Amino acid sequence: MSGQNGVASSRKLVLDELRDGERFVLTTHEHPDGDALGSLAAMQQVLCAMGKDAVSFMAAEEFPLPYEYRFIELPQLVTSVPDDVEDRTVIFLDCGNIDRMPVDFLRSDGTKVINIDHHHDNTRFGTINLVDIDASCTAEILFDLAGLLGVELTPEIANALYVALVTDTGRFMYENTDARSHRMAAGLIEAGVQVNDVYRRLYEHAPIEKLKLLAHALDRIELRDDGRIAVTYISAEDYALTGASEALTEGIIDHLRTIDGAVVAAVVRDRGEAGRAARKVSMRSTDGRVDVSAIARAHGGGGHWRAAGFGTDLPYEQVVEFLTREIETQLQI
């Protein structure tokens, strides 16, 4: 199956599973963004509205969440394995690759997995795969599902979906924004979303430590490869000096992507989490000529054509050298 016919067929299978199933566990990718968290919160509430037993799982290591997203309501959230997980259908949301949620209990043989996503590089790891690459965000797929299931959008569900929509479309500026996205926004506003309140919570509600960290990051910007790469490095020392946590790095990369002439913007930051890669690399393709998701996959990460990331133990200079080689290969310079 391919194209919208395949999406329609998969959507019907998912609808049947959601109607017939009784117990679910929902999850998303590690280091969740607005679409991941908004979709998780919305799907859990939709299922509960249908009378289902649905819990959301995120590993304890994911907390604290990025400051911008802490206002999202996540009812029935667990950070340890549900005792009856083998009897639950697993729903992955906004996760292009099962390796982006490194938890073994979600991969047991015989587990029914529903994979709902919009990433073009999704590996179709589910028992059922509803992957709509024409959707601006995973929440857009859930918005359609809720309507087909006859679930009324409460203000809480609508808020979660709106957070996902506005963040994954870059406040309706990215190329994935289309008429479908704006129709969804209108429907969510009619369901009770207070647009100004959501916007302020996402973009005008920063602690001073975040601004201090941003100042360090901006001061360290470098232009490499004749200005085609705009990159900065956030070190462990920067966190210590500013009093900021890693959770406050959200959105810093958006300042780099505005630099004139840059083809790719990248933020390399230290991580202090045991058992994970020493550094995280976030990338944005400014004009679409470079597929940063392909670069991320080469290092075990993933994402979108224009927004992706990966973890690495490479030191900063070697990361920049790797990025330069990959970008030059794609541009055939």
Protein backbone atom coordinates (compact mmCIF):
# COMPACT_ATOMS: atom_id res chain seq x y z
CA MET A 1 0.00 0.00 0.00
CA SER A 2 1.20 3.50 -0.75
CA GLY A 3 0.03 7.07 -0.81
CA GLN A 4 -3.29 8.18 0.59
CA ASN A 5 -4.96 4.84 -0.24
CA GLY A 6 -2.48 3.17 2.09
CA VAL A 7 -3.09 5.81 4.75
CA ALA A 8 -6.86 5.32 4.51
CA SER A 9 -6.51 1.53 4.87
CA SER A 10 -4.17 1.88 7.83
CA ARG A 11 -6.45 4.47 9.43
CA LYS A 12 -9.36 2.02 9.30
CA LEU A 13 -7.26 -0.69 10.97
CA VAL A 14 -6.24 1.74 13.72
CA LEU A 15 -9.83 2.87 14.27
CA ASP A 16 -10.92 -0.77 14.65
CA GLU A 17 -8.16 -1.41 17.18
CA LEU A 18 -9.03 1.68 19.20
CA ARG A 19 -12.73 0.80 19.24
CA ASP A 20 -12.26 -2.89 20.05
CA GLY A 21 -9.29 -2.70 22.43
CA GLU A 22 -9.69 -2.19 26.15
CA ARG A 23 -6.22 -1.55 27.57
CA PHE A 24 -3.46 0.56 26.05
CA VAL A 25 -0.04 1.95 26.92
CA LEU A 26 1.08 5.02 24.98
CA THR A 27 4.60 6.28 24.48
CA THR A 28 6.71 8.54 22.26
CA HIS A 29 10.35 9.17 21.39
CA GLU A 30 13.09 10.09 23.84
CA HIS A 31 13.65 13.80 24.50
CA PRO A 32 10.07 14.56 23.46
CA ASP A 33 9.18 17.80 21.69
CA GLY A 34 5.86 19.62 21.48
CA ASP A 35 4.32 17.24 18.95
CA ALA A 36 5.37 14.19 20.95
CA LEU A 37 4.04 15.48 24.26
CA GLY A 38 0.91 17.08 22.83
CA SER A 39 0.06 13.91 20.92
CA LEU A 40 0.69 11.75 23.96
CA ALA A 41 -1.55 13.86 26.17
CA ALA A 42 -4.32 14.13 23.57
CA MET A 43 -4.39 10.43 22.64
CA GLN A 44 -4.53 9.36 26.28
CA GLN A 45 -7.47 11.66 26.96
CA VAL A 46 -9.27 10.57 23.78
CA LEU A 47 -9.02 6.93 24.82
CA CYS A 48 -10.19 7.69 28.34
CA ALA A 49 -13.17 9.57 26.91
CA MET A 50 -14.02 6.32 25.11
CA GLY A 51 -13.98 4.45 28.42
CA LYS A 52 -10.66 2.72 27.75
CA ASP A 53 -7.94 1.91 30.27
CA ALA A 54 -5.04 3.95 28.87
CA VAL A 55 -1.78 4.96 30.50
CA SER A 56 1.12 6.98 29.10
CA PHE A 57 4.71 5.88 29.64
CA MET A 58 7.88 7.96 29.65
CA ALA A 59 11.11 6.92 31.32
CA ALA A 60 12.04 8.78 34.49
CA GLU A 61 15.21 9.99 32.74
CA GLU A 62 13.07 12.25 30.51
CA PHE A 63 12.23 14.51 33.44
CA PRO A 64 12.28 17.38 33.97
CA LEU A 65 10.63 18.10 30.65
CA PRO A 66 11.62 21.18 28.62
CA TYR A 67 10.36 24.24 30.48
CA GLU A 68 8.06 25.28 27.64
CA TYR A 69 6.02 22.08 27.79
CA ARG A 70 5.51 21.58 31.51
CA PHE A 71 2.03 23.08 31.40
CA ILE A 72 0.76 20.22 29.20
CA GLU A 73 -1.50 17.97 31.25
CA LEU A 74 -0.32 14.35 31.19
CA PRO A 75 -2.93 12.36 33.13
CA GLN A 76 -2.31 8.68 33.87
CA LEU A 77 1.44 9.06 33.26
CA VAL A 78 3.74 6.31 34.54
CA THR A 79 7.54 6.16 34.59
CA SER A 80 7.82 2.45 35.36
CA VAL A 81 6.62 -0.63 33.52
CA PRO A 82 2.88 -1.31 34.01
CA ASP A 83 2.44 -4.73 35.65
CA ASP A 84 0.00 -5.80 32.94
CA VAL A 85 1.99 -4.42 30.00
CA GLU A 86 1.84 -7.77 28.17
CA ASP A 87 -1.95 -7.45 28.05
CA ARG A 88 -1.92 -3.92 26.65
CA THR A 89 -1.74 -2.66 23.09
CA VAL A 90 1.26 -0.36 22.69
CA ILE A 91 0.73 2.89 20.78
CA PHE A 92 3.86 4.72 19.60
CA LEU A 93 3.26 8.38 18.75
CA ASP A 94 5.52 10.64 16.68
CA CYS A 95 8.30 8.04 16.76
CA GLY A 96 10.01 7.34 13.45
CA ASN A 97 12.15 4.51 14.77
CA ILE A 98 11.54 2.18 17.71
CA ASP A 99 15.16 2.72 18.77
CA ARG A 100 14.21 6.29 19.69
CA MET A 101 12.39 4.85 22.72
CA PRO A 102 15.10 2.58 24.15
CA VAL A 103 12.91 0.48 26.46
CA ASP A 104 13.03 -3.27 25.98
CA PHE A 105 9.62 -4.08 27.44
CA LEU A 106 7.93 -2.31 24.54
CA ARG A 107 9.53 -4.72 22.04
CA SER A 108 8.42 -8.08 23.44
CA ASP A 109 7.50 -10.77 20.97
CA GLY A 110 3.76 -10.91 20.44
CA THR A 111 3.17 -7.32 21.54
CA LYS A 112 0.63 -5.53 19.38
CA VAL A 113 2.14 -2.20 18.35
CA ILE A 114 0.24 0.66 16.70
CA ASN A 115 2.66 3.11 15.11
CA ILE A 116 1.14 6.56 14.44
CA ASP A 117 3.52 9.07 12.90
CA HIS A 118 4.20 11.58 10.12
CA HIS A 119 7.99 11.31 9.64
CA HIS A 120 9.02 10.48 6.08
CA ASP A 121 11.75 8.11 7.32
CA ASN A 122 9.51 6.07 9.64
CA THR A 123 10.71 2.46 9.66
CA ARG A 124 7.18 0.99 9.88
CA PHE A 125 8.07 -1.01 12.97
CA GLY A 126 4.51 -1.50 14.17
CA THR A 127 2.00 -4.30 13.82
CA ILE A 128 -0.14 -1.55 12.28
CA ASN A 129 1.51 1.53 10.80
CA LEU A 130 -0.49 4.69 10.28
CA VAL A 131 2.17 6.94 8.77
CA ASP A 132 0.85 10.01 6.99
CA ILE A 133 3.81 11.99 5.66
CA ASP A 134 1.45 14.65 4.30
CA ALA A 135 0.35 15.55 7.83
CA SER A 136 2.07 18.58 9.33
CA CYS A 137 2.39 16.80 12.67
CA THR A 138 1.35 13.59 14.39
CA ALA A 139 -1.34 15.55 16.23
CA GLU A 140 -2.99 16.28 12.89
CA ILE A 141 -3.49 12.53 12.43
CA LEU A 142 -4.95 12.27 15.94
CA PHE A 143 -7.29 15.18 15.28
CA ASP A 144 -8.74 13.23 12.35
CA LEU A 145 -8.96 10.03 14.41
CA ALA A 146 -10.81 11.78 17.23
CA GLY A 147 -13.38 13.09 14.77
CA LEU A 148 -13.89 9.67 13.20
CA LEU A 149 -14.23 8.10 16.65
CA GLY A 150 -16.89 10.63 17.58
CA VAL A 151 -14.93 11.93 20.57
CA GLU A 152 -15.80 15.49 21.55
CA LEU A 153 -12.75 17.71 21.80
CA THR A 154 -12.55 19.06 25.33
CA PRO A 155 -10.49 22.22 25.91
CA GLU A 156 -7.79 19.99 27.46
CA ILE A 157 -7.56 17.72 24.40
CA ALA A 158 -7.70 20.71 22.06
CA ASN A 159 -4.90 22.49 23.96
CA ALA A 160 -2.63 19.45 23.74
CA LEU A 161 -3.26 19.11 20.00
CA TYR A 162 -2.73 22.83 19.45
CA VAL A 163 0.64 22.79 21.23
CA ALA A 164 1.71 19.96 18.92
CA LEU A 165 0.45 21.75 15.82
CA VAL A 166 1.91 25.19 16.54
CA THR A 167 5.34 23.83 17.53
CA ASP A 168 5.77 21.33 14.69
CA THR A 169 4.76 23.89 12.07
CA GLY A 170 7.09 26.52 13.56
CA ARG A 171 4.14 28.76 14.48
CA PHE A 172 2.66 28.02 11.02
CA MET A 173 5.83 29.15 9.21
CA TYR A 174 7.35 25.84 8.05
CA GLU A 175 6.71 24.29 4.65
CA ASN A 176 4.61 21.53 6.25
CA THR A 177 1.92 24.14 6.97
CA ASP A 178 -1.02 23.97 4.58
CA ALA A 179 -4.77 24.54 4.45
CA ARG A 180 -5.35 21.30 6.38
CA SER A 181 -3.21 22.64 9.23
CA HIS A 182 -5.20 25.87 9.43
CA ARG A 183 -8.52 24.02 9.29
CA MET A 184 -7.33 21.97 12.26
CA ALA A 185 -6.31 25.13 14.10
CA ALA A 186 -9.76 26.61 13.51
CA GLY A 187 -11.40 23.47 14.85
CA LEU A 188 -9.24 23.51 17.97
CA ILE A 189 -9.97 27.18 18.61
CA GLU A 190 -13.68 26.43 18.31
CA ALA A 191 -13.15 23.65 20.88
CA GLY A 192 -11.81 26.13 23.42
CA VAL A 193 -8.12 26.79 22.79
CA GLN A 194 -7.00 30.17 24.09
CA VAL A 195 -4.42 31.01 21.43
CA ASN A 196 -2.71 33.86 23.27
CA ASP A 197 -2.39 31.84 26.48
CA VAL A 198 -0.79 28.90 24.67
CA TYR A 199 1.55 31.18 22.75
CA ARG A 200 2.72 32.97 25.88
CA ARG A 201 3.31 29.69 27.72
CA LEU A 202 5.37 28.35 24.82
CA TYR A 203 7.33 31.41 23.78
CA GLU A 204 7.07 34.17 26.39
CA HIS A 205 7.44 32.33 29.67
CA ALA A 206 11.18 31.77 30.05
CA PRO A 207 13.18 31.76 33.30
CA ILE A 208 16.18 34.11 33.39
CA GLU A 209 18.55 31.12 33.41
CA LYS A 210 17.41 30.26 29.90
CA LEU A 211 18.27 33.73 28.61
CA LYS A 212 21.70 33.53 30.23
CA LEU A 213 22.28 30.15 28.54
CA LEU A 214 21.09 31.60 25.23
CA ALA A 215 23.62 34.44 25.60
CA HIS A 216 26.43 31.91 26.01
CA ALA A 217 25.23 29.94 22.98
CA LEU A 218 24.94 33.02 20.76
CA ASP A 219 28.36 34.28 21.83
CA ARG A 220 29.90 31.00 20.68
CA ILE A 221 28.32 30.83 17.20
CA GLU A 222 30.71 29.87 14.42
CA LEU A 223 30.21 29.98 10.67
CA ARG A 224 31.95 27.03 9.02
CA ASP A 225 32.28 25.81 5.45
CA ASP A 226 32.16 29.30 3.90
CA GLY A 227 29.17 30.22 6.02
CA ARG A 228 27.04 27.25 5.00
CA ILE A 229 27.03 25.86 8.55
CA ALA A 230 26.04 27.92 11.59
CA VAL A 231 26.98 25.99 14.71
CA THR A 232 27.36 26.57 18.42
CA TYR A 233 28.38 24.51 21.42
CA ILE A 234 26.76 24.42 24.87
CA SER A 235 29.11 22.90 27.41
CA ALA A 236 28.61 21.43 30.85
CA GLU A 237 30.38 24.53 32.16
CA ASP A 238 27.74 26.74 30.53
CA TYR A 239 25.01 24.98 32.51
CA ALA A 240 26.98 25.44 35.71
CA LEU A 241 27.73 29.13 35.09
CA THR A 242 24.16 30.08 34.18
CA GLY A 243 22.31 27.82 36.59
CA ALA A 244 20.38 26.43 33.62
CA SER A 245 19.51 22.80 33.02
CA GLU A 246 19.64 20.94 29.73
CA ALA A 247 15.85 21.20 29.61
CA LEU A 248 16.24 24.95 28.91
CA THR A 249 17.97 24.46 25.54
CA GLU A 250 14.66 24.21 23.65
CA GLY A 251 14.41 26.83 20.90
CA ILE A 252 18.03 28.02 20.94
CA ILE A 253 18.62 26.53 17.50
CA ASP A 254 15.90 28.73 16.01
CA HIS A 255 18.18 31.76 16.47
CA LEU A 256 20.93 30.10 14.43
CA ARG A 257 18.65 29.17 11.55
CA THR A 258 17.98 32.86 10.88
CA ILE A 259 21.61 33.58 9.97
CA ASP A 260 21.86 34.77 6.39
CA GLY A 261 23.63 32.31 4.10
CA ALA A 262 23.53 29.34 6.47
CA VAL A 263 22.27 26.13 4.87
CA VAL A 264 22.30 24.10 8.08
CA ALA A 265 22.10 25.31 11.68
CA ALA A 266 23.36 23.03 14.44
CA VAL A 267 23.56 23.09 18.22
CA VAL A 268 25.93 20.67 19.92
CA ARG A 269 25.35 20.37 23.66
CA ASP A 270 26.81 18.34 26.46
CA ARG A 271 24.58 15.89 28.30
CA GLY A 272 25.03 14.69 31.84
CA GLU A 273 22.85 11.60 31.66
CA ALA A 274 24.46 8.30 32.61
CA GLY A 275 24.07 5.59 29.98
CA ARG A 276 23.45 8.02 27.12
CA ALA A 277 25.65 9.67 24.53
CA ALA A 278 27.87 12.45 25.88
CA ARG A 279 26.50 15.05 23.46
CA LYS A 280 23.27 15.81 21.64
CA VAL A 281 23.29 17.37 18.17
CA SER A 282 20.22 19.25 16.92
CA MET A 283 20.05 20.35 13.27
CA ARG A 284 17.84 22.49 11.06
CA SER A 285 17.91 22.73 7.27
CA THR A 286 17.25 26.38 6.55
CA ASP A 287 16.23 26.20 2.89
CA GLY A 288 15.49 22.50 2.37
CA ARG A 289 18.49 21.72 0.18
CA VAL A 290 19.96 19.44 2.84
CA ASP A 291 18.09 16.49 4.36
CA VAL A 292 19.26 16.65 7.98
CA SER A 293 17.30 13.51 8.87
CA ALA A 294 19.67 11.53 6.62
CA ILE A 295 22.62 12.99 8.53
CA ALA A 296 20.97 12.07 11.83
CA ARG A 297 20.27 8.50 10.71
CA ALA A 298 23.96 8.04 9.90
CA HIS A 299 24.55 8.46 13.63
CA GLY A 300 21.54 6.50 14.89
CA GLY A 301 19.19 9.45 15.21
CA GLY A 302 16.26 10.64 13.13
CA GLY A 303 13.71 13.33 12.47
CA HIS A 304 12.39 15.35 9.56
CA TRP A 305 14.01 16.49 6.33
CA ARG A 306 14.42 19.97 7.84
CA ALA A 307 14.69 19.19 11.57
CA ALA A 308 16.55 16.26 13.10
CA GLY A 309 18.99 15.22 15.77
CA PHE A 310 21.25 12.49 17.14
CA GLY A 311 23.39 11.58 20.13
CA THR A 312 27.14 11.11 19.91
CA ASP A 313 30.27 10.65 22.00
CA LEU A 314 32.38 12.52 19.44
CA PRO A 315 34.05 15.72 20.66
CA TYR A 316 32.78 19.01 19.26
CA GLU A 317 35.39 19.46 16.52
CA GLN A 318 34.82 15.94 15.18
CA VAL A 319 31.06 16.53 15.17
CA VAL A 320 31.55 19.67 13.05
CA GLU A 321 33.86 17.77 10.69
CA PHE A 322 31.24 15.03 10.31
CA LEU A 323 28.49 17.57 9.62
CA THR A 324 30.66 19.36 7.07
CA ARG A 325 31.38 16.14 5.14
CA GLU A 326 27.73 15.09 5.12
CA ILE A 327 26.47 18.50 4.03
CA GLU A 328 29.07 18.82 1.27
CA THR A 329 28.13 15.35 0.01
CA GLN A 330 24.48 16.31 -0.26
CA LEU A 331 25.26 19.64 -1.90
CA GLN A 332 27.92 17.96 -4.10
CA ILE A 333 30.35 20.76 -3.44
